Amino acid sequence: MTALSHDAWVAVSRAALRHNVQAVRTLLAQGTDRPPQMIAVVKANAFGHGAGETARIMQEAGVGFFAVTTPVEAWELRAAGITGRILVFLPPLPDQADALVEAEVDISVGDEEGLRQTAHAARRQGKTARVHLKVDTGMGRLGILPADALPLARRIAAEPVVEFAGLYTHFARALEKDPTPTRRQFAQFQQVARQIEEAGIHPGLRHCANSAAMVRFPEMRLDAVRPGTALYGQYPSAAVPRTLDLQDTWRLQARVVAVRDVPAGTAVGYGGEYVTRRPTRLAVLPIGYADGFTVAPASVTSGWRGVRTLLRDLTGRGPGVSVTLHDRRAPVLGRVAMQVCTADVTDIPGVAVGDIATVPARRITASARLPRIYED
């Protein structure tokens, strides 16, 4: 069967990924002869970039430690040939512990039961399991409460088939302008770390800084940092200083499949909600809400404003929805359908079938059906 060319795809820049890894590495080296270790976060399919290949690119750039959310994500990285260390943020389910120990990944522990399951799996396989004790300092999801951390740390240190590989927490509000909540969490975490160390226990790598905290609060970098967003060329929020030289790594693109001229008064799209006001040239693109189009990145919003923005995006009815063709903005007319949208190219000369449009979309919602094409 003859191979088909792609009509829509995600273009990922290898060069930009390598550049951003080096930019973070340069930041971490400032003012110290012992920079913290980088734990590259490749969760959620590497933020929509394709986890296996993205991790390979970073591994070739010298990254030796990765982090993901789920045990399945860790297993997929191993299957993709990633040999470096992998930290899994979620605790394993009872039937997942054996596979994680076998894959030699770093396992998060936040309670006695998680430690017990991990130790049993290690004994069954005759291996030593690496664990990181997660402390809940304010996120309210997972981890041991600070007051209960020391007894669990003692249990970890006393377990012969377990290596105490790390101690960590996660910041709930590092993206916000007010640093007070993050500083409060950090102080709690530092207190827990001191208590454990004063008990004669070495907790391995201490880490708490995501991309935002890594840039904003150098004192929070500790033994390791966990950048995610920054590695993909984006700043997490407006509160984060633009001190890193980052390059964009990701573009959603689609080829024009049809160009049509229609008269004024033509209804476009489902529901006939848009009617042309003039003779209009339309470019039809094979991209829609099933692919993540109209769920575009935006500034952090809250309350009803945020809800309205999300609903507007999800329905494809918001003002300003557009694509880029020939380096010019082409407004999308009518509703964005499941896999098709229509753009107004009346004022963009020379648009033809096969031309490539760049489409805004939130990276992690871009459909897995879209191939990831890696470019240098």
Protein backbone atom coordinates (compact mmCIF):
# COMPACT_ATOMS: atom_id res chain seq x y z
CA MET A 1 0.00 0.00 0.00
CA THR A 2 1.32 3.46 -0.92
CA ALA A 3 2.30 5.55 2.09
CA LEU A 4 0.22 8.64 2.78
CA SER A 5 1.70 12.00 3.64
CA HIS A 6 0.44 13.64 6.81
CA ASP A 7 -2.38 16.19 6.66
CA ALA A 8 -1.93 17.30 10.29
CA TRP A 9 0.90 16.72 12.75
CA VAL A 10 2.87 18.03 15.70
CA ALA A 11 6.33 19.30 14.81
CA VAL A 12 8.85 18.90 17.64
CA SER A 13 12.23 20.62 17.49
CA ARG A 14 15.11 18.45 18.67
CA ALA A 15 17.43 21.46 18.61
CA ALA A 16 15.10 23.50 20.83
CA LEU A 17 14.79 20.65 23.34
CA ARG A 18 18.58 20.36 23.54
CA HIS A 19 18.89 24.14 23.83
CA ASN A 20 16.43 24.31 26.72
CA VAL A 21 18.16 21.48 28.58
CA GLN A 22 21.39 23.46 28.33
CA ALA A 23 19.64 26.70 29.38
CA VAL A 24 18.39 25.03 32.57
CA ARG A 25 21.79 23.48 33.17
CA THR A 26 23.42 26.92 32.85
CA LEU A 27 20.95 28.41 35.32
CA LEU A 28 21.61 25.68 37.86
CA ALA A 29 25.37 26.21 37.64
CA GLN A 30 25.19 29.90 38.50
CA GLY A 31 26.87 30.77 41.78
CA THR A 32 27.78 27.23 42.80
CA ASP A 33 30.41 24.61 42.10
CA ARG A 34 27.92 21.87 43.02
CA PRO A 35 24.81 22.46 40.89
CA PRO A 36 21.68 20.48 41.73
CA GLN A 37 20.76 17.48 39.65
CA MET A 38 18.16 17.90 36.92
CA ILE A 39 15.15 15.57 37.05
CA ALA A 40 13.49 16.18 33.68
CA VAL A 41 9.71 15.84 33.92
CA VAL A 42 8.29 14.00 30.91
CA LYS A 43 4.81 13.29 32.27
CA ALA A 44 1.65 13.47 30.12
CA ASN A 45 3.46 12.20 27.03
CA ALA A 46 6.25 14.72 27.64
CA PHE A 47 3.72 17.56 27.72
CA GLY A 48 2.36 16.41 24.36
CA HIS A 49 5.75 16.04 22.67
CA GLY A 50 5.92 12.23 22.69
CA ALA A 51 7.54 10.85 25.82
CA GLY A 52 9.79 8.14 24.41
CA GLU A 53 11.52 10.17 21.72
CA THR A 54 11.63 13.34 23.83
CA ALA A 55 13.30 11.49 26.68
CA ARG A 56 15.78 9.94 24.22
CA ILE A 57 16.69 13.40 22.93
CA MET A 58 17.22 14.64 26.47
CA GLN A 59 19.15 11.51 27.42
CA GLU A 60 21.49 12.11 24.47
CA ALA A 61 21.88 15.70 25.76
CA GLY A 62 23.15 14.36 29.07
CA VAL A 63 19.99 14.10 31.17
CA GLY A 64 20.19 11.02 33.37
CA PHE A 65 17.10 11.33 35.55
CA PHE A 66 13.46 11.65 34.49
CA ALA A 67 10.10 11.90 36.25
CA VAL A 68 6.60 10.84 35.25
CA THR A 69 3.25 10.72 36.98
CA THR A 70 2.08 7.14 36.50
CA PRO A 71 3.70 3.71 36.70
CA VAL A 72 2.54 2.99 33.15
CA GLU A 73 4.43 6.06 31.90
CA ALA A 74 7.60 4.79 33.56
CA TRP A 75 7.19 1.35 32.01
CA GLU A 76 6.71 2.94 28.57
CA LEU A 77 9.95 4.91 28.97
CA ARG A 78 11.84 1.72 29.78
CA ALA A 79 10.27 0.06 26.74
CA ALA A 80 11.44 3.03 24.65
CA GLY A 81 15.03 2.39 25.71
CA ILE A 82 15.43 5.00 28.44
CA THR A 83 18.15 3.70 30.74
CA GLY A 84 18.41 6.62 33.18
CA ARG A 85 16.66 6.84 36.51
CA ILE A 86 12.89 7.44 36.46
CA LEU A 87 10.89 8.76 39.40
CA VAL A 88 7.17 7.95 39.49
CA PHE A 89 5.11 10.56 41.34
CA LEU A 90 2.04 8.40 41.98
CA PRO A 91 2.30 5.49 44.39
CA PRO A 92 1.94 2.13 42.65
CA LEU A 93 -1.23 0.11 42.92
CA PRO A 94 -0.74 -3.25 44.67
CA ASP A 95 -0.49 -5.08 41.35
CA GLN A 96 2.04 -2.58 39.93
CA ALA A 97 4.78 -2.74 42.57
CA ASP A 98 6.47 -5.82 41.14
CA ALA A 99 6.72 -4.30 37.66
CA LEU A 100 8.21 -1.07 39.00
CA VAL A 101 10.84 -2.87 41.04
CA GLU A 102 11.65 -5.01 38.01
CA ALA A 103 12.01 -1.86 35.88
CA GLU A 104 14.33 -0.38 38.52
CA VAL A 105 12.46 2.91 38.77
CA ASP A 106 12.36 5.24 41.78
CA ILE A 107 9.09 4.72 43.67
CA SER A 108 7.19 7.36 45.65
CA VAL A 109 6.13 6.34 49.15
CA GLY A 110 3.75 8.37 51.28
CA ASP A 111 2.44 5.87 53.80
CA GLU A 112 3.23 2.60 55.57
CA GLU A 113 1.26 0.48 53.12
CA GLY A 114 3.16 1.82 50.12
CA LEU A 115 6.45 1.01 51.81
CA ARG A 116 5.24 -2.48 52.72
CA GLN A 117 4.15 -3.29 49.17
CA THR A 118 7.39 -1.98 47.70
CA ALA A 119 9.52 -3.94 50.17
CA HIS A 120 7.59 -7.15 49.51
CA ALA A 121 8.09 -6.73 45.76
CA ALA A 122 11.82 -6.16 46.27
CA ARG A 123 12.15 -9.28 48.45
CA ARG A 124 10.32 -11.43 45.93
CA GLN A 125 12.76 -10.36 43.22
CA GLY A 126 15.90 -10.28 45.33
CA LYS A 127 16.42 -6.61 44.50
CA THR A 128 16.80 -3.31 46.30
CA ALA A 129 14.01 -0.81 45.60
CA ARG A 130 14.77 2.92 45.46
CA VAL A 131 12.10 5.00 47.21
CA HIS A 132 11.45 8.71 47.64
CA LEU A 133 9.45 9.80 50.67
CA LYS A 134 6.82 12.30 49.59
CA VAL A 135 5.77 14.90 52.16
CA ASP A 136 2.47 16.77 51.85
CA THR A 137 3.33 20.35 52.84
CA GLY A 138 0.24 21.95 51.34
CA MET A 139 -0.83 20.32 48.08
CA GLY A 140 -3.37 18.15 49.88
CA ARG A 141 -3.18 15.19 47.50
CA LEU A 142 -0.48 12.66 48.23
CA GLY A 143 2.29 12.19 50.75
CA ILE A 144 2.82 11.87 54.47
CA LEU A 145 1.93 14.83 56.68
CA PRO A 146 4.99 16.61 58.14
CA ALA A 147 4.16 15.52 61.70
CA ASP A 148 4.22 11.86 60.64
CA ALA A 149 7.23 11.95 58.32
CA LEU A 150 9.98 11.02 60.78
CA PRO A 151 8.48 7.66 61.87
CA LEU A 152 8.01 6.63 58.24
CA ALA A 153 11.54 7.78 57.41
CA ARG A 154 12.82 5.52 60.19
CA ARG A 155 10.89 2.59 58.70
CA ILE A 156 12.40 3.27 55.28
CA ALA A 157 15.93 3.51 56.68
CA ALA A 158 15.47 0.26 58.61
CA GLU A 159 14.18 -1.72 55.63
CA PRO A 160 17.11 -3.77 54.23
CA VAL A 161 15.64 -4.16 50.73
CA VAL A 162 14.91 -0.45 50.32
CA GLU A 163 17.26 2.41 49.46
CA PHE A 164 16.21 5.83 50.84
CA ALA A 165 16.83 7.63 47.54
CA GLY A 166 14.97 10.89 48.01
CA LEU A 167 12.78 13.20 50.04
CA TYR A 168 10.44 15.58 48.24
CA THR A 169 7.34 17.74 48.22
CA HIS A 170 5.32 19.59 45.59
CA PHE A 171 4.39 23.27 45.62
CA ALA A 172 0.72 24.16 45.17
CA ARG A 173 1.10 27.89 44.41
CA ALA A 174 4.54 28.52 42.94
CA LEU A 175 2.91 30.09 39.87
CA GLU A 176 1.31 32.88 41.87
CA LYS A 177 2.78 36.33 42.33
CA ASP A 178 2.62 36.15 46.13
CA PRO A 179 5.57 33.99 47.26
CA THR A 180 4.27 33.55 50.82
CA PRO A 181 2.47 30.18 50.38
CA THR A 182 5.45 28.66 48.59
CA ARG A 183 7.91 29.93 51.18
CA ARG A 184 5.66 28.46 53.89
CA GLN A 185 5.68 25.05 52.20
CA PHE A 186 9.43 25.21 51.75
CA ALA A 187 9.98 26.02 55.42
CA GLN A 188 7.86 23.01 56.41
CA PHE A 189 9.80 20.78 54.06
CA GLN A 190 13.14 22.00 55.37
CA GLN A 191 12.00 21.33 58.92
CA VAL A 192 11.09 17.75 58.02
CA ALA A 193 14.45 17.27 56.29
CA ARG A 194 16.30 18.56 59.35
CA GLN A 195 14.38 16.25 61.68
CA ILE A 196 15.23 13.25 59.53
CA GLU A 197 18.89 14.18 59.25
CA GLU A 198 19.17 14.92 62.99
CA ALA A 199 17.86 11.39 63.59
CA GLY A 200 20.93 10.10 61.77
CA ILE A 201 19.06 9.22 58.58
CA HIS A 202 20.30 10.31 55.15
CA PRO A 203 17.21 10.86 52.97
CA GLY A 204 18.99 10.92 49.62
CA LEU A 205 18.14 13.71 47.20
CA ARG A 206 16.06 16.54 48.63
CA HIS A 207 13.94 18.10 45.89
CA CYS A 208 10.92 20.38 45.73
CA ALA A 209 11.38 22.94 42.92
CA ASN A 210 9.32 22.75 39.75
CA SER A 211 10.08 25.10 36.83
CA ALA A 212 8.52 28.12 38.54
CA ALA A 213 10.28 27.64 41.88
CA MET A 214 13.54 26.73 40.16
CA VAL A 215 13.64 30.13 38.46
CA ARG A 216 12.09 32.27 41.20
CA PHE A 217 13.68 30.82 44.33
CA PRO A 218 17.32 29.71 43.95
CA GLU A 219 17.43 28.66 47.61
CA MET A 220 14.79 26.01 46.89
CA ARG A 221 16.88 24.11 44.34
CA LEU A 222 18.48 21.93 47.04
CA ASP A 223 19.95 18.65 45.72
CA ALA A 224 17.77 18.36 42.63
CA VAL A 225 15.11 20.26 40.68
CA ARG A 226 12.18 18.98 38.63
CA PRO A 227 11.77 21.23 35.56
CA GLY A 228 8.99 20.41 33.15
CA THR A 229 7.42 23.42 31.46
CA ALA A 230 10.74 25.24 31.06
CA LEU A 231 12.28 22.34 29.14
CA TYR A 232 9.55 22.73 26.55
CA GLY A 233 10.23 26.41 25.97
CA GLN A 234 7.50 27.95 28.10
CA TYR A 235 7.32 29.97 31.29
CA PRO A 236 4.75 28.62 33.77
CA SER A 237 3.13 31.98 34.54
CA ALA A 238 3.58 35.74 34.36
CA ALA A 239 4.99 35.68 37.90
CA VAL A 240 8.11 33.84 36.73
CA PRO A 241 10.96 36.17 35.64
CA ARG A 242 12.09 35.73 32.03
CA THR A 243 15.66 34.91 33.00
CA LEU A 244 16.04 31.80 30.86
CA ASP A 245 16.79 31.84 27.14
CA LEU A 246 14.13 29.36 26.06
CA GLN A 247 13.16 28.20 22.59
CA ASP A 248 9.75 26.93 21.53
CA THR A 249 9.78 23.19 20.96
CA TRP A 250 6.30 22.41 19.61
CA ARG A 251 4.02 23.40 16.71
CA LEU A 252 0.68 21.94 15.67
CA GLN A 253 0.44 22.13 11.89
CA ALA A 254 -2.09 21.21 9.22
CA ARG A 255 -2.21 21.40 5.43
CA VAL A 256 -4.95 23.19 3.55
CA VAL A 257 -7.15 20.55 1.91
CA ALA A 258 -9.49 22.88 0.00
CA VAL A 259 -9.77 26.54 -1.01
CA ARG A 260 -13.23 27.87 -1.88
CA ASP A 261 -14.69 31.22 -2.91
CA VAL A 262 -18.18 31.88 -1.54
CA PRO A 263 -20.52 34.87 -1.88
CA ALA A 264 -21.69 37.14 0.91
CA GLY A 265 -24.49 35.57 2.91
CA THR A 266 -22.98 32.06 2.99
CA ALA A 267 -23.46 30.16 6.25
CA VAL A 268 -20.28 28.43 7.45
CA GLY A 269 -20.13 25.45 9.79
CA TYR A 270 -22.54 23.59 12.06
CA GLY A 271 -25.59 25.55 13.10
CA GLY A 272 -24.99 28.21 10.47
CA GLU A 273 -23.82 30.47 13.27
CA TYR A 274 -21.45 32.43 11.05
CA VAL A 275 -22.64 34.08 7.85
CA THR A 276 -20.14 35.75 5.52
CA ARG A 277 -20.51 39.51 5.22
CA ARG A 278 -18.61 39.80 1.94
CA PRO A 279 -17.35 37.56 -0.85
CA THR A 280 -14.96 35.34 1.05
CA ARG A 281 -12.15 32.93 0.28
CA LEU A 282 -12.19 29.96 2.65
CA ALA A 283 -9.36 27.55 3.46
CA VAL A 284 -10.46 24.21 4.90
CA LEU A 285 -8.09 22.53 7.36
CA PRO A 286 -8.20 18.91 8.63
CA ILE A 287 -7.96 19.88 12.29
CA GLY A 288 -10.63 20.22 14.97
CA TYR A 289 -11.53 19.95 18.60
CA ALA A 290 -10.75 16.21 18.65
CA ASP A 291 -7.16 17.25 17.97
CA GLY A 292 -7.04 19.85 20.74
CA PHE A 293 -7.72 22.88 18.54
CA THR A 294 -9.58 25.68 20.36
CA VAL A 295 -8.14 24.52 23.69
CA ALA A 296 -5.34 27.04 23.38
CA PRO A 297 -2.76 28.17 25.91
CA ALA A 298 -3.77 31.29 27.78
CA SER A 299 -2.79 33.36 30.76
CA VAL A 300 -3.71 31.88 34.12
CA THR A 301 -7.27 32.92 34.94
CA SER A 302 -9.48 32.21 37.89
CA GLY A 303 -13.11 32.25 38.93
CA TRP A 304 -15.86 32.76 36.38
CA ARG A 305 -13.47 34.41 33.95
CA GLY A 306 -11.47 31.19 33.72
CA VAL A 307 -14.64 29.11 33.34
CA ARG A 308 -15.93 31.36 30.57
CA THR A 309 -12.61 31.18 28.75
CA LEU A 310 -12.54 27.39 28.90
CA LEU A 311 -16.16 27.03 27.74
CA ARG A 312 -15.54 29.47 24.91
CA ASP A 313 -12.50 27.51 23.78
CA LEU A 314 -14.15 24.11 24.05
CA THR A 315 -17.09 25.18 21.91
CA GLY A 316 -14.90 26.86 19.31
CA ARG A 317 -17.08 29.97 19.42
CA GLY A 318 -14.74 32.44 21.00
CA PRO A 319 -13.54 35.65 19.41
CA GLY A 320 -10.01 35.59 18.11
CA VAL A 321 -9.80 31.89 17.23
CA SER A 322 -7.40 31.82 14.30
CA VAL A 323 -4.62 29.96 12.52
CA THR A 324 -1.47 31.28 10.87
CA LEU A 325 -0.94 30.97 7.13
CA HIS A 326 1.88 32.64 5.18
CA ASP A 327 2.92 34.31 8.46
CA ARG A 328 -0.45 36.05 8.71
CA ARG A 329 -3.45 35.52 10.96
CA ALA A 330 -6.43 33.79 9.36
CA PRO A 331 -9.62 33.98 11.48
CA VAL A 332 -11.54 30.75 11.88
CA LEU A 333 -15.17 31.13 10.78
CA GLY A 334 -18.06 29.30 12.41
CA ARG A 335 -17.79 26.45 14.86
CA VAL A 336 -14.67 24.33 14.97
CA ALA A 337 -15.87 20.81 14.17
CA MET A 338 -14.47 17.53 15.45
CA GLN A 339 -11.76 17.20 12.78
CA VAL A 340 -12.30 20.14 10.44
CA CYS A 341 -12.24 23.93 10.61
CA THR A 342 -12.57 26.73 8.09
CA ALA A 343 -10.40 29.85 7.97
CA ASP A 344 -10.92 33.18 6.22
CA VAL A 345 -7.97 33.76 3.86
CA THR A 346 -9.58 36.49 1.78
CA ASP A 347 -6.86 38.96 2.74
CA ILE A 348 -3.95 36.52 2.44
CA PRO A 349 -2.87 36.26 -1.20
CA GLY A 350 -1.80 32.99 -2.73
CA VAL A 351 -3.17 30.46 -0.25
CA ALA A 352 -3.38 27.11 -2.01
CA VAL A 353 -4.14 23.47 -1.32
CA GLY A 354 -1.20 21.91 0.49
CA ASP A 355 -0.06 25.08 2.24
CA ILE A 356 0.87 24.59 5.88
CA ALA A 357 -1.00 26.37 8.67
CA THR A 358 0.19 26.67 12.25
CA VAL A 359 -2.62 26.01 14.69
CA PRO A 360 -2.75 27.14 18.35
CA ALA A 361 -3.55 24.38 20.82
CA ARG A 362 -2.80 23.36 24.36
CA ARG A 363 0.02 20.89 24.01
CA ILE A 364 -1.16 18.25 26.44
CA THR A 365 -4.60 18.07 24.80
CA ALA A 366 -3.27 17.61 21.26
CA SER A 367 -4.63 14.29 20.08
CA ALA A 368 -2.40 11.24 20.28
CA ARG A 369 -3.62 10.39 16.75
CA LEU A 370 -1.53 13.28 15.44
CA PRO A 371 1.95 12.03 14.56
CA ARG A 372 4.88 13.72 16.28
CA ILE A 373 7.45 14.66 13.66
CA TYR A 374 10.90 15.39 15.10
CA GLU A 375 12.93 18.02 13.28
CA ASP A 376 16.49 19.31 13.75
